Amino acid sequence: MVDLYGRAGRLEEAIRFIEAMPVKPDSSVWSRLLTASRVHDCLDLGIHAGERLLGLEPGNALIRHLVLQAYALRDEEKEEVVGVHSEKLALAFAFVCSQPVVPRSIRIVKNLRMCSDCHRMAKHISLKYGCEIYLSHPKCFHHFKDGHCSCGDYW
């Protein structure tokens, strides 16, 4: 239900559902709320869900990274806290190494989840330069083409 509420953008109802659950929410519930809050730009809720996830999975580097990212976006200090993302570097490297022609396809494999800024950037690059970008990370496979992503902007 949390996933359905999240996909529909009904985040307040998702929180009410979680609070009314007769059992303690597990990491799958909080991860779905975190994903929905990222998609719908509700950073405070994302931070709340991320902190709950960290309580359940304290050693999970991906969750730690996402929570740091949410804090950074909320405080408008993203570049200072998070730094340059590996997918941006990989895309830049692909274009520099393929000069003077634009690469037809770019393949990137990551061990951490892609952030929304990098996702928007990859869509823009695929549209502007007419190339296809294949990006794989533990949670999703993305295929960017003509300014669109195979995930439907929900990952």
C-alpha atoms as a PDB file:
ATOM      1  CA  MET A   1       0.000   0.000   0.000  1.00  0.00           C
ATOM      2  CA  VAL A   2       2.847   2.396   0.812  1.00  0.00           C
ATOM      3  CA  ASP A   3       4.250   1.828  -2.685  1.00  0.00           C
ATOM      4  CA  LEU A   4       0.852   2.515  -4.288  1.00  0.00           C
ATOM      5  CA  TYR A   5       0.292   5.678  -2.245  1.00  0.00           C
ATOM      6  CA  GLY A   6       3.830   6.786  -3.079  1.00  0.00           C
ATOM      7  CA  ARG A   7       3.466   6.217  -6.814  1.00  0.00           C
ATOM      8  CA  ALA A   8       0.234   8.231  -6.734  1.00  0.00           C
ATOM      9  CA  GLY A   9       1.966  11.082  -4.878  1.00  0.00           C
ATOM     10  CA  ARG A  10      -0.264  10.601  -1.829  1.00  0.00           C
ATOM     11  CA  LEU A  11       2.579  10.724   0.681  1.00  0.00           C
ATOM     12  CA  GLU A  12       0.517  11.936   3.643  1.00  0.00           C
ATOM     13  CA  GLU A  13      -1.773   8.945   3.238  1.00  0.00           C
ATOM     14  CA  ALA A  14       1.264   6.674   3.045  1.00  0.00           C
ATOM     15  CA  ILE A  15       2.519   8.035   6.378  1.00  0.00           C
ATOM     16  CA  ARG A  16      -0.917   7.614   7.974  1.00  0.00           C
ATOM     17  CA  PHE A  17      -1.010   4.034   6.686  1.00  0.00           C
ATOM     18  CA  ILE A  18       2.428   3.314   8.170  1.00  0.00           C
ATOM     19  CA  GLU A  19       1.476   4.851  11.510  1.00  0.00           C
ATOM     20  CA  ALA A  20      -1.721   2.764  11.623  1.00  0.00           C
ATOM     21  CA  MET A  21       0.005  -0.538  10.786  1.00  0.00           C
ATOM     22  CA  PRO A  22      -0.522  -3.200  13.469  1.00  0.00           C
ATOM     23  CA  VAL A  23       3.085  -4.398  13.004  1.00  0.00           C
ATOM     24  CA  LYS A  24       6.347  -2.493  13.081  1.00  0.00           C
ATOM     25  CA  PRO A  25       7.256  -1.319   9.542  1.00  0.00           C
ATOM     26  CA  ASP A  26      10.262  -3.116   8.086  1.00  0.00           C
ATOM     27  CA  SER A  27      12.944  -1.811   5.751  1.00  0.00           C
ATOM     28  CA  SER A  28      10.892  -2.515   2.609  1.00  0.00           C
ATOM     29  CA  VAL A  29       8.149  -0.157   3.827  1.00  0.00           C
ATOM     30  CA  TRP A  30      10.605   2.636   4.656  1.00  0.00           C
ATOM     31  CA  SER A  31      12.554   2.182   1.406  1.00  0.00           C
ATOM     32  CA  ARG A  32       9.364   2.566  -0.628  1.00  0.00           C
ATOM     33  CA  LEU A  33       8.496   5.732   1.270  1.00  0.00           C
ATOM     34  CA  LEU A  34      12.040   7.023   0.734  1.00  0.00           C
ATOM     35  CA  THR A  35      11.789   6.358  -3.007  1.00  0.00           C
ATOM     36  CA  ALA A  36       8.407   8.073  -3.250  1.00  0.00           C
ATOM     37  CA  SER A  37       9.623  11.094  -1.295  1.00  0.00           C
ATOM     38  CA  ARG A  38      12.616  11.459  -3.643  1.00  0.00           C
ATOM     39  CA  VAL A  39      10.426  11.205  -6.732  1.00  0.00           C
ATOM     40  CA  HIS A  40       7.947  13.768  -5.393  1.00  0.00           C
ATOM     41  CA  ASP A  41      10.619  16.108  -3.928  1.00  0.00           C
ATOM     42  CA  CYS A  42       9.490  15.781  -0.325  1.00  0.00           C
ATOM     43  CA  LEU A  43      12.927  15.963   1.286  1.00  0.00           C
ATOM     44  CA  ASP A  44      11.841  16.118   4.933  1.00  0.00           C
ATOM     45  CA  LEU A  45       9.808  12.950   4.547  1.00  0.00           C
ATOM     46  CA  GLY A  46      12.707  11.351   2.692  1.00  0.00           C
ATOM     47  CA  ILE A  47      15.037  12.192   5.555  1.00  0.00           C
ATOM     48  CA  HIS A  48      12.549  10.738   8.038  1.00  0.00           C
ATOM     49  CA  ALA A  49      12.209   7.509   6.032  1.00  0.00           C
ATOM     50  CA  GLY A  50      15.974   7.326   5.508  1.00  0.00           C
ATOM     51  CA  GLU A  51      16.687   7.709   9.213  1.00  0.00           C
ATOM     52  CA  ARG A  52      14.210   4.923   9.976  1.00  0.00           C
ATOM     53  CA  LEU A  53      15.960   2.764   7.377  1.00  0.00           C
ATOM     54  CA  LEU A  54      19.334   3.509   8.950  1.00  0.00           C
ATOM     55  CA  GLY A  55      17.913   2.384  12.292  1.00  0.00           C
ATOM     56  CA  LEU A  56      16.973  -0.947  10.712  1.00  0.00           C
ATOM     57  CA  GLU A  57      20.055  -1.305   8.498  1.00  0.00           C
ATOM     58  CA  PRO A  58      22.860   0.752  10.108  1.00  0.00           C
ATOM     59  CA  GLY A  59      25.598  -0.727   7.914  1.00  0.00           C
ATOM     60  CA  ASN A  60      23.906   0.008   4.580  1.00  0.00           C
ATOM     61  CA  ALA A  61      26.126   2.485   2.713  1.00  0.00           C
ATOM     62  CA  LEU A  62      23.483   3.155   0.059  1.00  0.00           C
ATOM     63  CA  ILE A  63      20.952   4.332   2.635  1.00  0.00           C
ATOM     64  CA  ARG A  64      23.578   6.462   4.374  1.00  0.00           C
ATOM     65  CA  HIS A  65      24.433   8.043   1.020  1.00  0.00           C
ATOM     66  CA  LEU A  66      20.772   8.773   0.201  1.00  0.00           C
ATOM     67  CA  VAL A  67      20.136  10.345   3.599  1.00  0.00           C
ATOM     68  CA  LEU A  68      23.229  12.537   3.250  1.00  0.00           C
ATOM     69  CA  GLN A  69      22.064  13.517  -0.209  1.00  0.00           C
ATOM     70  CA  ALA A  70      18.604  14.454   1.084  1.00  0.00           C
ATOM     71  CA  TYR A  71      20.125  16.594   3.828  1.00  0.00           C
ATOM     72  CA  ALA A  72      22.420  18.250   1.298  1.00  0.00           C
ATOM     73  CA  LEU A  73      19.587  19.039  -1.126  1.00  0.00           C
ATOM     74  CA  ARG A  74      17.440  20.366   1.694  1.00  0.00           C
ATOM     75  CA  ASP A  75      20.187  22.676   2.876  1.00  0.00           C
ATOM     76  CA  GLU A  76      21.169  23.726  -0.675  1.00  0.00           C
ATOM     77  CA  GLU A  77      24.756  22.701  -0.036  1.00  0.00           C
ATOM     78  CA  LYS A  78      24.782  19.599  -2.175  1.00  0.00           C
ATOM     79  CA  GLU A  79      28.088  20.201  -3.918  1.00  0.00           C
ATOM     80  CA  GLU A  80      29.921  20.811  -0.628  1.00  0.00           C
ATOM     81  CA  VAL A  81      28.538  17.752   1.149  1.00  0.00           C
ATOM     82  CA  VAL A  82      28.225  15.122  -1.569  1.00  0.00           C
ATOM     83  CA  GLY A  83      30.792  16.187  -4.147  1.00  0.00           C
ATOM     84  CA  VAL A  84      30.902  15.231  -7.821  1.00  0.00           C
ATOM     85  CA  HIS A  85      28.951  12.102  -8.666  1.00  0.00           C
ATOM     86  CA  SER A  86      30.623   9.224 -10.456  1.00  0.00           C
ATOM     87  CA  GLU A  87      28.040   9.039 -13.256  1.00  0.00           C
ATOM     88  CA  LYS A  88      28.689  12.691 -14.160  1.00  0.00           C
ATOM     89  CA  LEU A  89      32.404  11.961 -14.330  1.00  0.00           C
ATOM     90  CA  ALA A  90      31.793   8.825 -16.404  1.00  0.00           C
ATOM     91  CA  LEU A  91      29.620  10.717 -18.893  1.00  0.00           C
ATOM     92  CA  ALA A  92      32.164  13.529 -19.180  1.00  0.00           C
ATOM     93  CA  PHE A  93      34.957  10.997 -19.694  1.00  0.00           C
ATOM     94  CA  ALA A  94      32.951   9.238 -22.431  1.00  0.00           C
ATOM     95  CA  PHE A  95      32.515  12.497 -24.327  1.00  0.00           C
ATOM     96  CA  VAL A  96      36.126  13.600 -23.900  1.00  0.00           C
ATOM     97  CA  CYS A  97      37.546  10.243 -25.008  1.00  0.00           C
ATOM     98  CA  SER A  98      35.321   9.974 -28.080  1.00  0.00           C
ATOM     99  CA  GLN A  99      36.188  13.390 -29.544  1.00  0.00           C
ATOM    100  CA  PRO A 100      35.646  14.620 -32.216  1.00  0.00           C
ATOM    101  CA  VAL A 101      32.465  12.493 -32.577  1.00  0.00           C
ATOM    102  CA  VAL A 102      29.627  12.077 -30.101  1.00  0.00           C
ATOM    103  CA  PRO A 103      29.403   8.547 -28.657  1.00  0.00           C
ATOM    104  CA  ARG A 104      26.389   6.550 -29.897  1.00  0.00           C
ATOM    105  CA  SER A 105      26.000   4.662 -26.635  1.00  0.00           C
ATOM    106  CA  ILE A 106      27.476   4.911 -23.160  1.00  0.00           C
ATOM    107  CA  ARG A 107      27.407   2.126 -20.569  1.00  0.00           C
ATOM    108  CA  ILE A 108      27.858   2.841 -16.845  1.00  0.00           C
ATOM    109  CA  VAL A 109      27.742   0.379 -13.944  1.00  0.00           C
ATOM    110  CA  LYS A 110      27.421   1.721 -10.404  1.00  0.00           C
ATOM    111  CA  ASN A 111      27.353   0.172  -6.957  1.00  0.00           C
ATOM    112  CA  LEU A 112      25.238   2.985  -5.492  1.00  0.00           C
ATOM    113  CA  ARG A 113      21.836   4.272  -6.487  1.00  0.00           C
ATOM    114  CA  MET A 114      21.578   7.183  -8.927  1.00  0.00           C
ATOM    115  CA  CYS A 115      20.417  10.558  -7.571  1.00  0.00           C
ATOM    116  CA  SER A 116      17.631  12.584  -9.182  1.00  0.00           C
ATOM    117  CA  ASP A 117      20.013  15.320 -10.426  1.00  0.00           C
ATOM    118  CA  CYS A 118      22.167  12.800 -12.271  1.00  0.00           C
ATOM    119  CA  HIS A 119      19.012  11.153 -13.631  1.00  0.00           C
ATOM    120  CA  ARG A 120      17.790  14.483 -15.064  1.00  0.00           C
ATOM    121  CA  MET A 121      21.247  15.189 -16.464  1.00  0.00           C
ATOM    122  CA  ALA A 122      21.416  11.808 -18.249  1.00  0.00           C
ATOM    123  CA  LYS A 123      17.970  12.409 -19.791  1.00  0.00           C
ATOM    124  CA  HIS A 124      19.071  15.839 -20.990  1.00  0.00           C
ATOM    125  CA  ILE A 125      22.332  14.534 -22.488  1.00  0.00           C
ATOM    126  CA  SER A 126      20.516  11.726 -24.312  1.00  0.00           C
ATOM    127  CA  LEU A 127      18.136  14.283 -25.827  1.00  0.00           C
ATOM    128  CA  LYS A 128      20.692  16.984 -26.685  1.00  0.00           C
ATOM    129  CA  TYR A 129      23.371  14.702 -28.143  1.00  0.00           C
ATOM    130  CA  GLY A 130      21.184  11.888 -29.495  1.00  0.00           C
ATOM    131  CA  CYS A 131      23.076   9.153 -27.699  1.00  0.00           C
ATOM    132  CA  GLU A 132      21.816   6.222 -25.660  1.00  0.00           C
ATOM    133  CA  ILE A 133      22.955   5.849 -22.070  1.00  0.00           C
ATOM    134  CA  TYR A 134      22.718   2.532 -20.238  1.00  0.00           C
ATOM    135  CA  LEU A 135      23.177   2.830 -16.490  1.00  0.00           C
ATOM    136  CA  SER A 136      22.895  -0.045 -14.067  1.00  0.00           C
ATOM    137  CA  HIS A 137      22.868   0.117 -10.265  1.00  0.00           C
ATOM    138  CA  PRO A 138      21.691  -2.332  -7.569  1.00  0.00           C
ATOM    139  CA  LYS A 139      18.084  -1.094  -7.545  1.00  0.00           C
ATOM    140  CA  CYS A 140      17.342  -0.428 -11.226  1.00  0.00           C
ATOM    141  CA  PHE A 141      18.486  -0.512 -14.842  1.00  0.00           C
ATOM    142  CA  HIS A 142      18.149   2.768 -16.733  1.00  0.00           C
ATOM    143  CA  HIS A 143      18.094   3.200 -20.510  1.00  0.00           C
ATOM    144  CA  PHE A 144      18.138   6.859 -21.494  1.00  0.00           C
ATOM    145  CA  LYS A 145      17.126   7.680 -25.057  1.00  0.00           C
ATOM    146  CA  ASP A 146      15.661  10.822 -26.632  1.00  0.00           C
ATOM    147  CA  GLY A 147      15.303  12.517 -23.245  1.00  0.00           C
ATOM    148  CA  HIS A 148      13.382   9.667 -21.641  1.00  0.00           C
ATOM    149  CA  CYS A 149      14.299   6.885 -19.229  1.00  0.00           C
ATOM    150  CA  SER A 150      13.072   3.305 -19.224  1.00  0.00           C
ATOM    151  CA  CYS A 151      12.248   3.547 -15.499  1.00  0.00           C
ATOM    152  CA  GLY A 152       9.543   6.127 -16.188  1.00  0.00           C
ATOM    153  CA  ASP A 153      11.258   8.455 -13.675  1.00  0.00           C
ATOM    154  CA  TYR A 154      10.397   6.110 -10.805  1.00  0.00           C
ATOM    155  CA  TRP A 155      13.245   4.148  -9.316  1.00  0.00           C
END
